[in-house]
N, C-alpha and C. Protein backbone atom coordinates (compact mmCIF):
# COMPACT_ATOMS: atom_id res chain seq x y z
N MET A 1 -22.48 -43.34 7.25
CA MET A 1 -21.23 -42.72 6.91
C MET A 1 -21.54 -41.34 6.33
N LYS A 2 -20.76 -40.36 6.77
CA LYS A 2 -20.91 -38.99 6.28
C LYS A 2 -19.65 -38.63 5.50
N ILE A 3 -19.84 -38.08 4.31
CA ILE A 3 -18.70 -37.69 3.48
C ILE A 3 -18.67 -36.17 3.42
N TYR A 4 -17.50 -35.60 3.69
CA TYR A 4 -17.33 -34.14 3.67
C TYR A 4 -16.57 -33.73 2.42
N ALA A 5 -17.01 -32.63 1.83
CA ALA A 5 -16.31 -32.11 0.66
C ALA A 5 -14.99 -31.47 1.11
N PRO A 6 -13.88 -31.78 0.46
CA PRO A 6 -12.58 -31.25 0.88
C PRO A 6 -12.35 -29.78 0.53
N ASP A 7 -13.23 -29.20 -0.27
CA ASP A 7 -12.99 -27.83 -0.71
C ASP A 7 -13.54 -26.78 0.24
N GLY A 8 -14.24 -27.17 1.27
CA GLY A 8 -14.72 -26.20 2.26
C GLY A 8 -15.88 -25.37 1.73
N ARG A 9 -16.21 -24.34 2.48
CA ARG A 9 -17.32 -23.47 2.10
C ARG A 9 -16.87 -22.46 1.05
N ILE A 10 -17.81 -22.09 0.24
CA ILE A 10 -17.54 -21.09 -0.79
C ILE A 10 -17.82 -19.71 -0.19
N GLY A 11 -16.86 -18.83 -0.27
CA GLY A 11 -17.00 -17.48 0.27
C GLY A 11 -17.16 -16.47 -0.84
N VAL A 12 -17.02 -15.23 -0.46
CA VAL A 12 -17.10 -14.14 -1.43
C VAL A 12 -15.82 -14.15 -2.26
N PRO A 13 -15.93 -14.09 -3.58
CA PRO A 13 -14.71 -14.10 -4.40
C PRO A 13 -13.85 -12.87 -4.12
N PRO A 14 -12.53 -13.01 -4.17
CA PRO A 14 -11.66 -11.86 -3.91
C PRO A 14 -11.84 -10.80 -4.99
N LYS A 15 -11.62 -9.56 -4.60
CA LYS A 15 -11.69 -8.46 -5.57
C LYS A 15 -10.36 -8.39 -6.32
N PRO A 16 -10.41 -8.14 -7.61
CA PRO A 16 -9.15 -8.06 -8.37
C PRO A 16 -8.37 -6.80 -8.00
N ARG A 17 -7.07 -6.89 -8.13
CA ARG A 17 -6.21 -5.74 -7.89
C ARG A 17 -6.35 -4.75 -9.04
N ALA A 18 -6.06 -3.51 -8.74
CA ALA A 18 -6.06 -2.49 -9.79
C ALA A 18 -4.93 -2.81 -10.76
N PRO A 19 -5.12 -2.57 -12.03
CA PRO A 19 -4.05 -2.84 -12.99
C PRO A 19 -2.86 -1.92 -12.76
N SER A 20 -1.68 -2.46 -12.99
CA SER A 20 -0.46 -1.65 -12.86
C SER A 20 -0.34 -0.72 -14.05
N PRO A 21 0.09 0.52 -13.81
CA PRO A 21 0.27 1.43 -14.94
C PRO A 21 1.45 0.99 -15.80
N ALA A 22 1.33 1.18 -17.10
CA ALA A 22 2.39 0.78 -18.02
C ALA A 22 3.60 1.70 -17.90
N VAL A 23 3.36 2.98 -17.61
CA VAL A 23 4.43 3.98 -17.50
C VAL A 23 4.22 4.77 -16.21
N LEU A 24 5.28 5.01 -15.47
CA LEU A 24 5.18 5.73 -14.20
C LEU A 24 5.50 7.22 -14.34
N THR A 25 5.97 7.64 -15.49
CA THR A 25 6.33 9.05 -15.69
C THR A 25 5.17 9.96 -15.33
N GLY A 26 5.45 10.91 -14.43
CA GLY A 26 4.46 11.88 -14.02
C GLY A 26 3.49 11.42 -12.95
N LEU A 27 3.53 10.14 -12.59
CA LEU A 27 2.62 9.67 -11.54
C LEU A 27 3.08 10.13 -10.17
N ARG A 28 2.13 10.34 -9.29
CA ARG A 28 2.42 10.79 -7.93
C ARG A 28 2.49 9.57 -7.01
N VAL A 29 3.58 9.47 -6.25
CA VAL A 29 3.84 8.32 -5.40
C VAL A 29 3.69 8.72 -3.93
N ALA A 30 3.09 7.83 -3.14
CA ALA A 30 3.01 8.02 -1.69
C ALA A 30 3.74 6.90 -0.99
N VAL A 31 4.26 7.21 0.18
CA VAL A 31 4.82 6.22 1.09
C VAL A 31 3.89 6.16 2.28
N LEU A 32 3.36 4.98 2.58
CA LEU A 32 2.53 4.78 3.76
C LEU A 32 3.33 3.95 4.75
N ASP A 33 3.86 4.62 5.76
CA ASP A 33 4.65 3.97 6.82
C ASP A 33 3.73 3.06 7.61
N ASN A 34 4.05 1.78 7.64
CA ASN A 34 3.18 0.83 8.33
C ASN A 34 3.51 0.67 9.82
N GLY A 35 4.47 1.43 10.32
CA GLY A 35 4.77 1.38 11.74
C GLY A 35 5.87 0.41 12.13
N LYS A 36 6.37 -0.36 11.20
CA LYS A 36 7.48 -1.27 11.51
C LYS A 36 8.77 -0.47 11.63
N PRO A 37 9.74 -0.98 12.41
CA PRO A 37 11.00 -0.27 12.56
C PRO A 37 11.67 -0.02 11.19
N ASN A 38 12.06 1.20 10.96
CA ASN A 38 12.76 1.63 9.75
C ASN A 38 11.93 1.55 8.46
N ALA A 39 10.64 1.28 8.57
CA ALA A 39 9.80 1.19 7.37
C ALA A 39 9.78 2.51 6.61
N ARG A 40 9.63 3.61 7.33
CA ARG A 40 9.57 4.92 6.66
C ARG A 40 10.85 5.18 5.87
N LEU A 41 12.01 4.93 6.48
CA LEU A 41 13.29 5.15 5.81
C LEU A 41 13.42 4.25 4.58
N LEU A 42 13.15 2.98 4.75
CA LEU A 42 13.28 2.01 3.66
C LEU A 42 12.34 2.36 2.50
N LEU A 43 11.08 2.61 2.81
CA LEU A 43 10.09 2.88 1.77
C LEU A 43 10.32 4.23 1.09
N THR A 44 10.76 5.23 1.86
CA THR A 44 11.03 6.55 1.27
C THR A 44 12.21 6.46 0.31
N ARG A 45 13.24 5.77 0.70
CA ARG A 45 14.40 5.60 -0.21
C ARG A 45 14.00 4.84 -1.46
N ALA A 46 13.18 3.80 -1.30
CA ALA A 46 12.71 3.04 -2.47
C ALA A 46 11.88 3.94 -3.38
N ALA A 47 11.01 4.76 -2.80
CA ALA A 47 10.18 5.68 -3.59
C ALA A 47 11.04 6.70 -4.32
N GLU A 48 12.05 7.21 -3.64
CA GLU A 48 12.94 8.18 -4.29
C GLU A 48 13.69 7.56 -5.46
N GLN A 49 14.16 6.33 -5.29
CA GLN A 49 14.85 5.63 -6.38
C GLN A 49 13.90 5.35 -7.54
N LEU A 50 12.69 4.94 -7.21
CA LEU A 50 11.67 4.70 -8.24
C LEU A 50 11.39 5.97 -9.02
N ALA A 51 11.24 7.07 -8.31
CA ALA A 51 10.96 8.36 -8.95
C ALA A 51 12.13 8.78 -9.85
N ALA A 52 13.34 8.61 -9.36
CA ALA A 52 14.52 9.00 -10.14
C ALA A 52 14.65 8.19 -11.43
N ARG A 53 14.26 6.93 -11.38
CA ARG A 53 14.39 6.06 -12.55
C ARG A 53 13.26 6.19 -13.55
N THR A 54 12.08 6.62 -13.07
CA THR A 54 10.90 6.56 -13.93
C THR A 54 10.28 7.91 -14.27
N GLY A 55 10.66 8.95 -13.55
CA GLY A 55 10.03 10.24 -13.77
C GLY A 55 8.78 10.46 -12.94
N ALA A 56 8.53 9.56 -12.01
CA ALA A 56 7.42 9.75 -11.07
C ALA A 56 7.84 10.79 -10.05
N VAL A 57 6.92 11.22 -9.18
CA VAL A 57 7.19 12.23 -8.17
C VAL A 57 6.74 11.71 -6.82
N VAL A 58 7.62 11.78 -5.81
CA VAL A 58 7.23 11.40 -4.45
C VAL A 58 6.42 12.57 -3.89
N GLU A 59 5.13 12.37 -3.74
CA GLU A 59 4.21 13.43 -3.38
C GLU A 59 3.87 13.45 -1.89
N LEU A 60 3.86 12.27 -1.26
CA LEU A 60 3.36 12.18 0.11
C LEU A 60 4.10 11.08 0.87
N VAL A 61 4.53 11.40 2.09
CA VAL A 61 5.08 10.41 3.01
C VAL A 61 4.28 10.57 4.30
N THR A 62 3.59 9.51 4.72
CA THR A 62 2.71 9.60 5.88
C THR A 62 2.68 8.29 6.65
N ASP A 63 2.11 8.34 7.84
CA ASP A 63 1.87 7.12 8.59
C ASP A 63 0.38 6.82 8.56
N LYS A 64 -0.06 5.80 9.28
CA LYS A 64 -1.44 5.36 9.23
C LYS A 64 -2.41 6.25 10.00
N GLY A 65 -1.89 7.13 10.80
CA GLY A 65 -2.75 8.01 11.59
C GLY A 65 -2.57 7.75 13.08
N PRO A 66 -3.07 8.65 13.91
CA PRO A 66 -2.90 8.52 15.37
C PRO A 66 -3.47 7.21 15.90
N GLY A 67 -2.70 6.55 16.73
CA GLY A 67 -3.16 5.32 17.38
C GLY A 67 -3.09 4.08 16.53
N HIS A 68 -2.58 4.18 15.30
CA HIS A 68 -2.49 3.01 14.43
C HIS A 68 -1.09 2.44 14.47
N ASN A 69 -0.99 1.12 14.26
CA ASN A 69 0.31 0.46 14.27
C ASN A 69 0.39 -0.54 13.12
N ALA A 70 1.42 -1.36 13.12
CA ALA A 70 1.63 -2.29 12.01
C ALA A 70 0.50 -3.29 11.86
N ALA A 71 -0.26 -3.55 12.91
CA ALA A 71 -1.32 -4.55 12.86
C ALA A 71 -2.69 -3.97 12.52
N THR A 72 -2.78 -2.67 12.33
CA THR A 72 -4.08 -2.05 12.07
C THR A 72 -4.09 -1.38 10.70
N ALA A 73 -5.29 -1.19 10.20
CA ALA A 73 -5.46 -0.47 8.92
C ALA A 73 -5.26 1.01 9.15
N CYS A 74 -4.99 1.75 8.09
CA CYS A 74 -4.82 3.19 8.25
C CYS A 74 -6.18 3.85 8.49
N SER A 75 -6.14 5.05 9.02
CA SER A 75 -7.37 5.78 9.32
C SER A 75 -8.08 6.14 8.02
N ASP A 76 -9.38 6.38 8.11
CA ASP A 76 -10.15 6.80 6.94
C ASP A 76 -9.63 8.12 6.39
N LEU A 77 -9.20 9.01 7.28
CA LEU A 77 -8.67 10.31 6.85
C LEU A 77 -7.42 10.13 5.98
N VAL A 78 -6.52 9.26 6.42
CA VAL A 78 -5.29 9.00 5.64
C VAL A 78 -5.65 8.31 4.33
N LEU A 79 -6.55 7.35 4.36
CA LEU A 79 -6.95 6.65 3.14
C LEU A 79 -7.58 7.61 2.14
N ASP A 80 -8.43 8.51 2.62
CA ASP A 80 -9.03 9.51 1.73
C ASP A 80 -7.98 10.41 1.12
N ARG A 81 -7.02 10.82 1.93
CA ARG A 81 -5.95 11.70 1.42
C ARG A 81 -5.14 10.99 0.34
N ILE A 82 -4.79 9.74 0.58
CA ILE A 82 -4.03 8.97 -0.41
C ILE A 82 -4.83 8.83 -1.70
N THR A 83 -6.11 8.52 -1.56
CA THR A 83 -6.97 8.35 -2.73
C THR A 83 -7.04 9.60 -3.59
N GLU A 84 -7.06 10.75 -2.95
CA GLU A 84 -7.19 12.02 -3.67
C GLU A 84 -5.87 12.56 -4.21
N GLU A 85 -4.77 12.31 -3.52
CA GLU A 85 -3.52 13.00 -3.83
C GLU A 85 -2.48 12.21 -4.63
N VAL A 86 -2.60 10.89 -4.69
CA VAL A 86 -1.54 10.12 -5.35
C VAL A 86 -2.10 9.04 -6.27
N ASP A 87 -1.20 8.50 -7.09
CA ASP A 87 -1.58 7.47 -8.05
C ASP A 87 -1.04 6.09 -7.67
N LEU A 88 0.00 6.06 -6.85
CA LEU A 88 0.70 4.82 -6.52
C LEU A 88 1.16 4.89 -5.08
N VAL A 89 1.01 3.79 -4.32
CA VAL A 89 1.38 3.77 -2.90
C VAL A 89 2.38 2.65 -2.65
N LEU A 90 3.47 2.98 -1.95
CA LEU A 90 4.40 1.97 -1.47
C LEU A 90 4.15 1.80 0.02
N THR A 91 3.94 0.58 0.46
CA THR A 91 3.74 0.31 1.88
C THR A 91 4.15 -1.11 2.18
N GLY A 92 4.35 -1.39 3.45
CA GLY A 92 4.66 -2.73 3.91
C GLY A 92 6.15 -3.02 3.97
N SER A 93 6.53 -3.67 5.03
CA SER A 93 7.89 -4.19 5.18
C SER A 93 7.82 -5.24 6.27
N ALA A 94 8.76 -6.12 6.26
CA ALA A 94 8.81 -7.17 7.27
C ALA A 94 9.97 -6.92 8.22
N ASP A 95 9.93 -7.59 9.34
CA ASP A 95 11.01 -7.43 10.32
C ASP A 95 12.27 -8.11 9.84
């Protein structure tokens, strides 16, 4: 008789998320359009409302880069730009 452990294999532990800032005043916000229908409009409006309520600034609205869609990661160029230019990113939407 062979007994299998129900917990499966142990993988690499997940990396923790960056801590959320306590105050958004003065932070630079980006919108990363994930390619879903109306994502840019929805996320841009949400970013504008967030900025109006908190004193943050919408600094960048962009897509993932040429040839990228909702199922792919953004290009390294876009990721580098976001890393250098903003403090907070809004992205993602569902159908």
